[in-house]
PDB file of N, CA and C in Angstrom:
ATOM      1  N   MET A   1     106.040  69.297 108.559  1.00  0.00           N
ATOM      2  CA  MET A   1     106.426  67.988 108.090  1.00  0.00           C
ATOM      3  C   MET A   1     107.286  67.289 109.146  1.00  0.00           C
ATOM      4  N   ILE A   2     107.010  66.048 109.377  1.00  0.00           N
ATOM      5  CA  ILE A   2     107.744  65.266 110.363  1.00  0.00           C
ATOM      6  C   ILE A   2     108.864  64.512 109.657  1.00  0.00           C
ATOM      7  N   ALA A   3     110.070  64.676 110.159  1.00  0.00           N
ATOM      8  CA  ALA A   3     111.224  63.985 109.581  1.00  0.00           C
ATOM      9  C   ALA A   3     111.077  62.480 109.785  1.00  0.00           C
ATOM     10  N   GLN A   4     111.367  61.727 108.747  1.00  0.00           N
ATOM     11  CA  GLN A   4     111.385  60.267 108.815  1.00  0.00           C
ATOM     12  C   GLN A   4     112.861  59.850 108.834  1.00  0.00           C
ATOM     13  N   VAL A   5     113.305  59.281 109.939  1.00  0.00           N
ATOM     14  CA  VAL A   5     114.715  58.976 110.139  1.00  0.00           C
ATOM     15  C   VAL A   5     114.883  57.480 110.376  1.00  0.00           C
ATOM     16  N   ARG A   6     115.660  56.834 109.528  1.00  0.00           N
ATOM     17  CA  ARG A   6     116.004  55.425 109.737  1.00  0.00           C
ATOM     18  C   ARG A   6     116.958  55.356 110.929  1.00  0.00           C
ATOM     19  N   PRO A   7     116.974  54.249 111.659  1.00  0.00           N
ATOM     20  CA  PRO A   7     117.926  54.136 112.771  1.00  0.00           C
ATOM     21  C   PRO A   7     119.371  54.413 112.343  1.00  0.00           C
ATOM     22  N   SER A   8     119.734  53.968 111.143  1.00  0.00           N
ATOM     23  CA  SER A   8     121.100  54.191 110.657  1.00  0.00           C
ATOM     24  C   SER A   8     121.379  55.675 110.390  1.00  0.00           C
ATOM     25  N   GLN A   9     120.344  56.502 110.305  1.00  0.00           N
ATOM     26  CA  GLN A   9     120.492  57.936 110.072  1.00  0.00           C
ATOM     27  C   GLN A   9     120.343  58.756 111.355  1.00  0.00           C
ATOM     28  N   LEU A  10     120.058  58.076 112.463  1.00  0.00           N
ATOM     29  CA  LEU A  10     119.746  58.794 113.699  1.00  0.00           C
ATOM     30  C   LEU A  10     120.906  59.659 114.180  1.00  0.00           C
ATOM     31  N   SER A  11     122.126  59.168 114.093  1.00  0.00           N
ATOM     32  CA  SER A  11     123.276  59.963 114.547  1.00  0.00           C
ATOM     33  C   SER A  11     123.341  61.304 113.827  1.00  0.00           C
ATOM     34  N   ALA A  12     123.122  61.293 112.532  1.00  0.00           N
ATOM     35  CA  ALA A  12     123.145  62.540 111.763  1.00  0.00           C
ATOM     36  C   ALA A  12     122.004  63.453 112.205  1.00  0.00           C
ATOM     37  N   TRP A  13     120.807  62.905 112.429  1.00  0.00           N
ATOM     38  CA  TRP A  13     119.675  63.719 112.888  1.00  0.00           C
ATOM     39  C   TRP A  13     119.980  64.308 114.262  1.00  0.00           C
ATOM     40  N   LEU A  14     120.585  63.509 115.145  1.00  0.00           N
ATOM     41  CA  LEU A  14     120.926  63.997 116.479  1.00  0.00           C
ATOM     42  C   LEU A  14     121.874  65.193 116.395  1.00  0.00           C
ATOM     43  N   GLU A  15     122.832  65.129 115.488  1.00  0.00           N
ATOM     44  CA  GLU A  15     123.778  66.239 115.332  1.00  0.00           C
ATOM     45  C   GLU A  15     123.078  67.509 114.857  1.00  0.00           C
ATOM     46  N   THR A  16     122.144  67.378 113.919  1.00  0.00           N
ATOM     47  CA  THR A  16     121.418  68.570 113.449  1.00  0.00           C
ATOM     48  C   THR A  16     120.460  69.077 114.518  1.00  0.00           C
ATOM     49  N   ALA A  17     119.994  68.174 115.397  1.00  0.00           N
ATOM     50  CA  ALA A  17     119.041  68.551 116.442  1.00  0.00           C
ATOM     51  C   ALA A  17     119.715  69.175 117.659  1.00  0.00           C
ATOM     52  N   ARG A  18     120.963  68.822 117.895  1.00  0.00           N
ATOM     53  CA  ARG A  18     121.666  69.236 119.114  1.00  0.00           C
ATOM     54  C   ARG A  18     121.639  70.746 119.379  1.00  0.00           C
ATOM     55  N   PRO A  19     121.750  71.614 118.369  1.00  0.00           N
ATOM     56  CA  PRO A  19     121.674  73.055 118.662  1.00  0.00           C
ATOM     57  C   PRO A  19     120.327  73.480 119.273  1.00  0.00           C
ATOM     58  N   HIS A  20     119.313  72.648 119.133  1.00  0.00           N
ATOM     59  CA  HIS A  20     117.981  72.957 119.674  1.00  0.00           C
ATOM     60  C   HIS A  20     117.801  72.434 121.093  1.00  0.00           C
ATOM     61  N   GLY A  21     118.821  71.775 121.648  1.00  0.00           N
ATOM     62  CA  GLY A  21     118.741  71.209 122.993  1.00  0.00           C
ATOM     63  C   GLY A  21     119.144  69.743 122.972  1.00  0.00           C
ATOM     64  N   THR A  22     119.219  69.148 124.138  1.00  0.00           N
ATOM     65  CA  THR A  22     119.579  67.737 124.229  1.00  0.00           C
ATOM     66  C   THR A  22     118.474  66.891 123.605  1.00  0.00           C
ATOM     67  N   PRO A  23     118.791  66.119 122.560  1.00  0.00           N
ATOM     68  CA  PRO A  23     117.758  65.317 121.904  1.00  0.00           C
ATOM     69  C   PRO A  23     117.228  64.213 122.815  1.00  0.00           C
ATOM     70  N   VAL A  24     115.950  63.906 122.617  1.00  0.00           N
ATOM     71  CA  VAL A  24     115.277  62.841 123.348  1.00  0.00           C
ATOM     72  C   VAL A  24     114.813  61.791 122.343  1.00  0.00           C
ATOM     73  N   VAL A  25     115.087  60.532 122.649  1.00  0.00           N
ATOM     74  CA  VAL A  25     114.438  59.438 121.931  1.00  0.00           C
ATOM     75  C   VAL A  25     113.309  58.999 122.842  1.00  0.00           C
ATOM     76  N   LEU A  26     112.091  59.158 122.352  1.00  0.00           N
ATOM     77  CA  LEU A  26     110.892  58.855 123.119  1.00  0.00           C
ATOM     78  C   LEU A  26     110.348  57.505 122.673  1.00  0.00           C
ATOM     79  N   ASP A  27     110.512  56.498 123.524  1.00  0.00           N
ATOM     80  CA  ASP A  27     110.022  55.149 123.246  1.00  0.00           C
ATOM     81  C   ASP A  27     108.556  55.099 123.684  1.00  0.00           C
ATOM     82  N   VAL A  28     107.654  54.916 122.733  1.00  0.00           N
ATOM     83  CA  VAL A  28     106.218  54.970 123.024  1.00  0.00           C
ATOM     84  C   VAL A  28     105.586  53.577 123.114  1.00  0.00           C
ATOM     85  N   ARG A  29     106.431  52.543 123.182  1.00  0.00           N
ATOM     86  CA  ARG A  29     105.901  51.184 123.298  1.00  0.00           C
ATOM     87  C   ARG A  29     105.419  50.910 124.719  1.00  0.00           C
ATOM     88  N   ASP A  30     104.648  49.841 124.861  1.00  0.00           N
ATOM     89  CA  ASP A  30     104.156  49.427 126.173  1.00  0.00           C
ATOM     90  C   ASP A  30     105.312  48.895 127.022  1.00  0.00           C
ATOM     91  N   PRO A  31     105.195  48.952 128.350  1.00  0.00           N
ATOM     92  CA  PRO A  31     106.274  48.489 129.226  1.00  0.00           C
ATOM     93  C   PRO A  31     106.728  47.052 128.936  1.00  0.00           C
ATOM     94  N   ALA A  32     105.817  46.165 128.610  1.00  0.00           N
ATOM     95  CA  ALA A  32     106.206  44.777 128.315  1.00  0.00           C
ATOM     96  C   ALA A  32     107.103  44.709 127.084  1.00  0.00           C
ATOM     97  N   GLU A  33     106.836  45.555 126.097  1.00  0.00           N
ATOM     98  CA  GLU A  33     107.672  45.601 124.897  1.00  0.00           C
ATOM     99  C   GLU A  33     109.060  46.146 125.220  1.00  0.00           C
ATOM    100  N   VAL A  34     109.101  47.157 126.058  1.00  0.00           N
ATOM    101  CA  VAL A  34     110.373  47.752 126.446  1.00  0.00           C
ATOM    102  C   VAL A  34     111.219  46.728 127.198  1.00  0.00           C
ATOM    103  N   ARG A  35     110.573  45.900 128.027  1.00  0.00           N
ATOM    104  CA  ARG A  35     111.306  44.853 128.743  1.00  0.00           C
ATOM    105  C   ARG A  35     111.879  43.814 127.779  1.00  0.00           C
ATOM    106  N   LEU A  36     111.183  43.550 126.671  1.00  0.00           N
ATOM    107  CA  LEU A  36     111.667  42.585 125.680  1.00  0.00           C
ATOM    108  C   LEU A  36     112.896  43.098 124.937  1.00  0.00           C
ATOM    109  N   ALA A  37     112.869  44.358 124.570  1.00  0.00           N
ATOM    110  CA  ALA A  37     113.941  44.936 123.762  1.00  0.00           C
ATOM    111  C   ALA A  37     113.992  46.432 123.993  1.00  0.00           C
ATOM    112  N   SER A  38     115.180  46.933 124.249  1.00  0.00           N
ATOM    113  CA  SER A  38     115.333  48.367 124.452  1.00  0.00           C
ATOM    114  C   SER A  38     116.641  48.828 123.834  1.00  0.00           C
ATOM    115  N   VAL A  39     116.763  50.123 123.693  1.00  0.00           N
ATOM    116  CA  VAL A  39     117.978  50.718 123.141  1.00  0.00           C
ATOM    117  C   VAL A  39     118.773  51.351 124.279  1.00  0.00           C
ATOM    118  N   ARG A  40     120.043  51.563 124.031  1.00  0.00           N
ATOM    119  CA  ARG A  40     120.898  52.254 124.993  1.00  0.00           C
ATOM    120  C   ARG A  40     121.006  53.713 124.579  1.00  0.00           C
ATOM    121  N   ALA A  41     120.913  54.587 125.546  1.00  0.00           N
ATOM    122  CA  ALA A  41     121.046  56.022 125.261  1.00  0.00           C
ATOM    123  C   ALA A  41     122.502  56.319 124.928  1.00  0.00           C
ATOM    124  N   ASP A  42     122.727  56.808 123.725  1.00  0.00           N
ATOM    125  CA  ASP A  42     124.070  57.151 123.280  1.00  0.00           C
ATOM    126  C   ASP A  42     123.977  58.442 122.465  1.00  0.00           C
ATOM    127  N   GLY A  43     124.247  59.555 123.126  1.00  0.00           N
ATOM    128  CA  GLY A  43     124.147  60.844 122.460  1.00  0.00           C
ATOM    129  C   GLY A  43     122.762  61.460 122.551  1.00  0.00           C
ATOM    130  N   PHE A  44     121.900  60.872 123.351  1.00  0.00           N
ATOM    131  CA  PHE A  44     120.536  61.372 123.530  1.00  0.00           C
ATOM    132  C   PHE A  44     120.012  60.924 124.884  1.00  0.00           C
ATOM    133  N   THR A  45     118.934  61.550 125.319  1.00  0.00           N
ATOM    134  CA  THR A  45     118.222  61.122 126.513  1.00  0.00           C
ATOM    135  C   THR A  45     117.144  60.145 126.082  1.00  0.00           C
ATOM    136  N   LEU A  46     117.035  59.019 126.748  1.00  0.00           N
ATOM    137  CA  LEU A  46     116.011  58.024 126.442  1.00  0.00           C
ATOM    138  C   LEU A  46     114.876  58.150 127.446  1.00  0.00           C
ATOM    139  N   MET A  47     113.662  58.335 126.930  1.00  0.00           N
ATOM    140  CA  MET A  47     112.461  58.376 127.774  1.00  0.00           C
ATOM    141  C   MET A  47     111.501  57.309 127.274  1.00  0.00           C
ATOM    142  N   SER A  48     110.799  56.694 128.202  1.00  0.00           N
ATOM    143  CA  SER A  48     109.798  55.702 127.844  1.00  0.00           C
ATOM    144  C   SER A  48     108.452  56.141 128.405  1.00  0.00           C
ATOM    145  N   ILE A  49     107.541  56.482 127.496  1.00  0.00           N
ATOM    146  CA  ILE A  49     106.172  56.840 127.864  1.00  0.00           C
ATOM    147  C   ILE A  49     105.265  56.115 126.873  1.00  0.00           C
ATOM    148  N   PRO A  50     104.460  55.162 127.340  1.00  0.00           N
ATOM    149  CA  PRO A  50     103.571  54.452 126.416  1.00  0.00           C
ATOM    150  C   PRO A  50     102.659  55.428 125.663  1.00  0.00           C
ATOM    151  N   MET A  51     102.364  55.082 124.423  1.00  0.00           N
ATOM    152  CA  MET A  51     101.566  55.951 123.557  1.00  0.00           C
ATOM    153  C   MET A  51     100.300  56.469 124.251  1.00  0.00           C
ATOM    154  N   GLY A  52      99.569  55.611 124.908  1.00  0.00           N
ATOM    155  CA  GLY A  52      98.322  56.000 125.556  1.00  0.00           C
ATOM    156  C   GLY A  52      98.503  56.940 126.731  1.00  0.00           C
ATOM    157  N   MET A  53      99.727  57.052 127.231  1.00  0.00           N
ATOM    158  CA  MET A  53     100.002  57.933 128.369  1.00  0.00           C
ATOM    159  C   MET A  53     100.597  59.279 127.954  1.00  0.00           C
ATOM    160  N   ILE A  54     100.817  59.462 126.655  1.00  0.00           N
ATOM    161  CA  ILE A  54     101.418  60.723 126.197  1.00  0.00           C
ATOM    162  C   ILE A  54     100.551  61.934 126.572  1.00  0.00           C
ATOM    163  N   PRO A  55      99.242  61.936 126.288  1.00  0.00           N
ATOM    164  CA  PRO A  55      98.465  63.141 126.633  1.00  0.00           C
ATOM    165  C   PRO A  55      98.548  63.542 128.111  1.00  0.00           C
ATOM    166  N   PRO A  56      98.332  62.614 129.069  1.00  0.00           N
ATOM    167  CA  PRO A  56      98.402  63.063 130.460  1.00  0.00           C
ATOM    168  C   PRO A  56      99.820  63.353 130.955  1.00  0.00           C
ATOM    169  N   ARG A  57     100.825  62.883 130.245  1.00  0.00           N
ATOM    170  CA  ARG A  57     102.212  63.102 130.675  1.00  0.00           C
ATOM    171  C   ARG A  57     102.951  64.093 129.772  1.00  0.00           C
ATOM    172  N   LEU A  58     102.221  64.803 128.934  1.00  0.00           N
ATOM    173  CA  LEU A  58     102.821  65.730 127.979  1.00  0.00           C
ATOM    174  C   LEU A  58     103.730  66.754 128.657  1.00  0.00           C
ATOM    175  N   SER A  59     103.398  67.139 129.876  1.00  0.00           N
ATOM    176  CA  SER A  59     104.194  68.154 130.579  1.00  0.00           C
ATOM    177  C   SER A  59     105.605  67.658 130.911  1.00  0.00           C
ATOM    178  N   GLU A  60     105.860  66.364 130.797  1.00  0.00           N
ATOM    179  CA  GLU A  60     107.203  65.821 131.043  1.00  0.00           C
ATOM    180  C   GLU A  60     108.148  66.085 129.870  1.00  0.00           C
ATOM    181  N   LEU A  61     107.578  66.516 128.758  1.00  0.00           N
ATOM    182  CA  LEU A  61     108.367  66.788 127.559  1.00  0.00           C
ATOM    183  C   LEU A  61     108.464  68.281 127.321  1.00  0.00           C
ATOM    184  N   ASN A  62     109.581  68.727 126.764  1.00  0.00           N
ATOM    185  CA  ASN A  62     109.810  70.136 126.487  1.00  0.00           C
ATOM    186  C   ASN A  62     109.576  70.382 124.999  1.00  0.00           C
ATOM    187  N   PRO A  63     108.601  71.222 124.632  1.00  0.00           N
ATOM    188  CA  PRO A  63     108.303  71.476 123.211  1.00  0.00           C
ATOM    189  C   PRO A  63     109.477  72.042 122.418  1.00  0.00           C
ATOM    190  N   ALA A  64     110.441  72.662 123.077  1.00  0.00           N
ATOM    191  CA  ALA A  64     111.598  73.222 122.372  1.00  0.00           C
ATOM    192  C   ALA A  64     112.709  72.193 122.184  1.00  0.00           C
ATOM    193  N   GLN A  65     112.603  71.062 122.871  1.00  0.00           N
ATOM    194  CA  GLN A  65     113.633  70.031 122.813  1.00  0.00           C
ATOM    195  C   GLN A  65     113.380  69.094 121.636  1.00  0.00           C
ATOM    196  N   PRO A  66     114.416  68.685 120.896  1.00  0.00           N
ATOM    197  CA  PRO A  66     114.229  67.741 119.795  1.00  0.00           C
ATOM    198  C   PRO A  66     113.773  66.383 120.318  1.00  0.00           C
ATOM    199  N   VAL A  67     112.773  65.792 119.652  1.00  0.00           N
ATOM    200  CA  VAL A  67     112.235  64.497 120.067  1.00  0.00           C
ATOM    201  C   VAL A  67     112.140  63.583 118.846  1.00  0.00           C
ATOM    202  N   ALA A  68     112.753  62.413 118.954  1.00  0.00           N
ATOM    203  CA  ALA A  68     112.627  61.369 117.937  1.00  0.00           C
ATOM    204  C   ALA A  68     111.830  60.231 118.560  1.00  0.00           C
ATOM    205  N   CYS A  69     110.698  59.897 117.961  1.00  0.00           N
ATOM    206  CA  CYS A  69     109.790  58.900 118.525  1.00  0.00           C
ATOM    207  C   CYS A  69     110.112  57.510 117.987  1.00  0.00           C
ATOM    208  N   LEU A  70     110.014  56.515 118.872  1.00  0.00           N
ATOM    209  CA  LEU A  70     110.366  55.134 118.568  1.00  0.00           C
ATOM    210  C   LEU A  70     109.266  54.197 119.040  1.00  0.00           C
ATOM    211  N   CYS A  71     108.915  53.221 118.198  1.00  0.00           N
ATOM    212  CA  CYS A  71     108.007  52.144 118.620  1.00  0.00           C
ATOM    213  C   CYS A  71     108.521  50.840 118.016  1.00  0.00           C
ATOM    214  N   HIS A  72     107.635  49.883 117.777  1.00  0.00           N
ATOM    215  CA  HIS A  72     108.054  48.580 117.251  1.00  0.00           C
ATOM    216  C   HIS A  72     108.424  48.661 115.770  1.00  0.00           C
ATOM    217  N   HIS A  73     107.530  49.209 114.945  1.00  0.00           N
ATOM    218  CA  HIS A  73     107.786  49.289 113.503  1.00  0.00           C
ATOM    219  C   HIS A  73     107.683  50.705 112.940  1.00  0.00           C
ATOM    220  N   GLY A  74     107.219  51.672 113.724  1.00  0.00           N
ATOM    221  CA  GLY A  74     107.168  53.057 113.263  1.00  0.00           C
ATOM    222  C   GLY A  74     105.780  53.635 113.083  1.00  0.00           C
ATOM    223  N   VAL A  75     104.741  52.848 113.330  1.00  0.00           N
ATOM    224  CA  VAL A  75     103.379  53.354 113.140  1.00  0.00           C
ATOM    225  C   VAL A  75     102.927  54.182 114.346  1.00  0.00           C
ATOM    226  N   ARG A  76     103.022  53.614 115.531  1.00  0.00           N
ATOM    227  CA  ARG A  76     102.627  54.355 116.738  1.00  0.00           C
ATOM    228  C   ARG A  76     103.499  55.587 116.929  1.00  0.00           C
ATOM    229  N   SER A  77     104.791  55.437 116.676  1.00  0.00           N
ATOM    230  CA  SER A  77     105.695  56.576 116.861  1.00  0.00           C
ATOM    231  C   SER A  77     105.354  57.711 115.905  1.00  0.00           C
ATOM    232  N   MET A  78     104.906  57.387 114.702  1.00  0.00           N
ATOM    233  CA  MET A  78     104.492  58.434 113.758  1.00  0.00           C
ATOM    234  C   MET A  78     103.260  59.169 114.282  1.00  0.00           C
ATOM    235  N   GLN A  79     102.320  58.422 114.865  1.00  0.00           N
ATOM    236  CA  GLN A  79     101.125  59.054 115.432  1.00  0.00           C
ATOM    237  C   GLN A  79     101.498  59.978 116.588  1.00  0.00           C
ATOM    238  N   VAL A  80     102.422  59.523 117.428  1.00  0.00           N
ATOM    239  CA  VAL A  80     102.853  60.358 118.557  1.00  0.00           C
ATOM    240  C   VAL A  80     103.607  61.578 118.045  1.00  0.00           C
ATOM    241  N   ALA A  81     104.461  61.416 117.048  1.00  0.00           N
ATOM    242  CA  ALA A  81     105.192  62.547 116.478  1.00  0.00           C
ATOM    243  C   ALA A  81     104.216  63.597 115.947  1.00  0.00           C
ATOM    244  N   ALA A  82     103.169  63.159 115.249  1.00  0.00           N
ATOM    245  CA  ALA A  82     102.161  64.090 114.730  1.00  0.00           C
ATOM    246  C   ALA A  82     101.423  64.788 115.875  1.00  0.00           C
ATOM    247  N   PHE A  83     101.112  64.043 116.920  1.00  0.00           N
ATOM    248  CA  PHE A  83     100.453  64.602 118.101  1.00  0.00           C
ATOM    249  C   PHE A  83     101.329  65.689 118.725  1.00  0.00           C
ATOM    250  N   LEU A  84     102.626  65.391 118.883  1.00  0.00           N
ATOM    251  CA  LEU A  84     103.539  66.365 119.482  1.00  0.00           C
ATOM    252  C   LEU A  84     103.667  67.612 118.606  1.00  0.00           C
ATOM    253  N   GLN A  85     103.809  67.408 117.326  1.00  0.00           N
ATOM    254  CA  GLN A  85     103.942  68.547 116.409  1.00  0.00           C
ATOM    255  C   GLN A  85     102.696  69.433 116.471  1.00  0.00           C
ATOM    256  N   ALA A  86     101.525  68.824 116.548  1.00  0.00           N
ATOM    257  CA  ALA A  86     100.279  69.589 116.620  1.00  0.00           C
ATOM    258  C   ALA A  86     100.173  70.381 117.920  1.00  0.00           C
ATOM    259  N   ARG A  87     100.972  70.006 118.905  1.00  0.00           N
ATOM    260  CA  ARG A  87     100.951  70.705 120.189  1.00  0.00           C
ATOM    261  C   ARG A  87     102.158  71.619 120.378  1.00  0.00           C
ATOM    262  N   GLY A  88     102.789  71.986 119.281  1.00  0.00           N
ATOM    263  CA  GLY A  88     103.826  72.997 119.340  1.00  0.00           C
ATOM    264  C   GLY A  88     105.252  72.502 119.433  1.00  0.00           C
ATOM    265  N   PHE A  89     105.471  71.205 119.391  1.00  0.00           N
ATOM    266  CA  PHE A  89     106.840  70.698 119.391  1.00  0.00           C
ATOM    267  C   PHE A  89     107.442  71.026 118.027  1.00  0.00           C
ATOM    268  N   THR A  90     108.606  71.668 118.043  1.00  0.00           N
ATOM    269  CA  THR A  90     109.143  72.235 116.811  1.00  0.00           C
ATOM    270  C   THR A  90     110.163  71.354 116.093  1.00  0.00           C
ATOM    271  N   HIS A  91     110.775  70.416 116.779  1.00  0.00           N
ATOM    272  CA  HIS A  91     111.802  69.566 116.164  1.00  0.00           C
ATOM    273  C   HIS A  91     111.484  68.105 116.496  1.00  0.00           C
ATOM    274  N   VAL A  92     110.651  67.490 115.640  1.00  0.00           N
ATOM    275  CA  VAL A  92     110.149  66.141 115.894  1.00  0.00           C
ATOM    276  C   VAL A  92     110.515  65.239 114.726  1.00  0.00           C
ATOM    277  N   ALA A  93     110.864  63.983 115.052  1.00  0.00           N
ATOM    278  CA  ALA A  93     111.154  62.990 114.022  1.00  0.00           C
ATOM    279  C   ALA A  93     110.503  61.664 114.400  1.00  0.00           C
ATOM    280  N   ASN A  94     110.256  60.856 113.384  1.00  0.00           N
ATOM    281  CA  ASN A  94     109.785  59.490 113.573  1.00  0.00           C
ATOM    282  C   ASN A  94     110.930  58.564 113.183  1.00  0.00           C
ATOM    283  N   ILE A  95     111.254  57.616 114.055  1.00  0.00           N
ATOM    284  CA  ILE A  95     112.280  56.631 113.731  1.00  0.00           C
ATOM    285  C   ILE A  95     111.610  55.527 112.920  1.00  0.00           C
ATOM    286  N   THR A  96     111.777  55.621 111.607  1.00  0.00           N
ATOM    287  CA  THR A  96     111.130  54.726 110.660  1.00  0.00           C
ATOM    288  C   THR A  96     111.639  53.302 110.836  1.00  0.00           C
ATOM    289  N   GLY A  97     110.707  52.371 110.913  1.00  0.00           N
ATOM    290  CA  GLY A  97     111.075  50.969 111.087  1.00  0.00           C
ATOM    291  C   GLY A  97     111.185  50.553 112.537  1.00  0.00           C
ATOM    292  N   GLY A  98     111.180  51.532 113.440  1.00  0.00           N
ATOM    293  CA  GLY A  98     111.150  51.268 114.868  1.00  0.00           C
ATOM    294  C   GLY A  98     112.317  50.455 115.397  1.00  0.00           C
ATOM    295  N   ILE A  99     112.056  49.808 116.524  1.00  0.00           N
ATOM    296  CA  ILE A  99     113.112  49.045 117.173  1.00  0.00           C
ATOM    297  C   ILE A  99     113.483  47.810 116.354  1.00  0.00           C
ATOM    298  N   ASN A 100     112.559  47.357 115.518  1.00  0.00           N
ATOM    299  CA  ASN A 100     112.863  46.234 114.635  1.00  0.00           C
ATOM    300  C   ASN A 100     113.990  46.631 113.673  1.00  0.00           C
ATOM    301  N   ALA A 101     113.874  47.804 113.073  1.00  0.00           N
ATOM    302  CA  ALA A 101     114.926  48.297 112.182  1.00  0.00           C
ATOM    303  C   ALA A 101     116.186  48.655 112.968  1.00  0.00           C
ATOM    304  N   TRP A 102     116.010  49.137 114.197  1.00  0.00           N
ATOM    305  CA  TRP A 102     117.161  49.465 115.046  1.00  0.00           C
ATOM    306  C   TRP A 102     118.035  48.224 115.204  1.00  0.00           C
ATOM    307  N   SER A 103     117.399  47.092 115.481  1.00  0.00           N
ATOM    308  CA  SER A 103     118.130  45.835 115.635  1.00  0.00           C
ATOM    309  C   SER A 103     118.841  45.451 114.340  1.00  0.00           C
ATOM    310  N   ALA A 104     118.152  45.592 113.226  1.00  0.00           N
ATOM    311  CA  ALA A 104     118.716  45.196 111.930  1.00  0.00           C
ATOM    312  C   ALA A 104     119.826  46.135 111.471  1.00  0.00           C
ATOM    313  N   GLU A 105     119.699  47.442 111.752  1.00  0.00           N
ATOM    314  CA  GLU A 105     120.630  48.428 111.207  1.00  0.00           C
ATOM    315  C   GLU A 105     121.733  48.874 112.154  1.00  0.00           C
ATOM    316  N   LEU A 106     121.444  48.884 113.467  1.00  0.00           N
ATOM    317  CA  LEU A 106     122.401  49.462 114.409  1.00  0.00           C
ATOM    318  C   LEU A 106     122.959  48.495 115.430  1.00  0.00           C
ATOM    319  N   ASP A 107     122.102  47.685 115.997  1.00  0.00           N
ATOM    320  CA  ASP A 107     122.526  46.869 117.138  1.00  0.00           C
ATOM    321  C   ASP A 107     121.833  45.514 117.130  1.00  0.00           C
ATOM    322  N   PRO A 108     122.457  44.495 116.531  1.00  0.00           N
ATOM    323  CA  PRO A 108     121.831  43.171 116.468  1.00  0.00           C
ATOM    324  C   PRO A 108     121.649  42.523 117.830  1.00  0.00           C
ATOM    325  N   ALA A 109     122.262  43.094 118.887  1.00  0.00           N
ATOM    326  CA  ALA A 109     122.047  42.568 120.230  1.00  0.00           C
ATOM    327  C   ALA A 109     120.658  42.913 120.756  1.00  0.00           C
ATOM    328  N   VAL A 110     119.993  43.886 120.133  1.00  0.00           N
ATOM    329  CA  VAL A 110     118.627  44.229 120.529  1.00  0.00           C
ATOM    330  C   VAL A 110     117.714  43.139 119.948  1.00  0.00           C
ATOM    331  N   PRO A 111     117.000  42.431 120.818  1.00  0.00           N
ATOM    332  CA  PRO A 111     116.144  41.336 120.317  1.00  0.00           C
ATOM    333  C   PRO A 111     115.043  41.847 119.387  1.00  0.00           C
ATOM    334  N   ARG A 112     114.743  41.050 118.380  1.00  0.00           N
ATOM    335  CA  ARG A 112     113.617  41.349 117.479  1.00  0.00           C
ATOM    336  C   ARG A 112     112.452  40.484 117.929  1.00  0.00           C
ATOM    337  N   TYR A 113     111.276  41.068 117.893  1.00  0.00           N
ATOM    338  CA  TYR A 113     110.086  40.326 118.324  1.00  0.00           C
ATOM    339  C   TYR A 113     108.934  40.608 117.390  1.00  0.00           C
TER     340      TYR A 113
END
């Protein structure tokens, strides 16, 4: 089962994930979207790999490391989270509501688009 974590709950998820390694927030949006709005790494490592590039770049991720996937609204990130889990990633979460919810719940300075 993939954890569904609202942006406002991410800090708590990061704390539970930390014993498994340094948590990663994996932004799976396209580069143009990332340029429009991005998050600041605070208590996690931020990686940006577009959804379509995950399979060929899978080796850049550590299956033992906690990964929380982020996209615009949470649909693509859920697909990537399921993909990672099916490939042996043991601590995976989907950031429900994506960067849109991140802006609304955590940081209104992050532009909504």
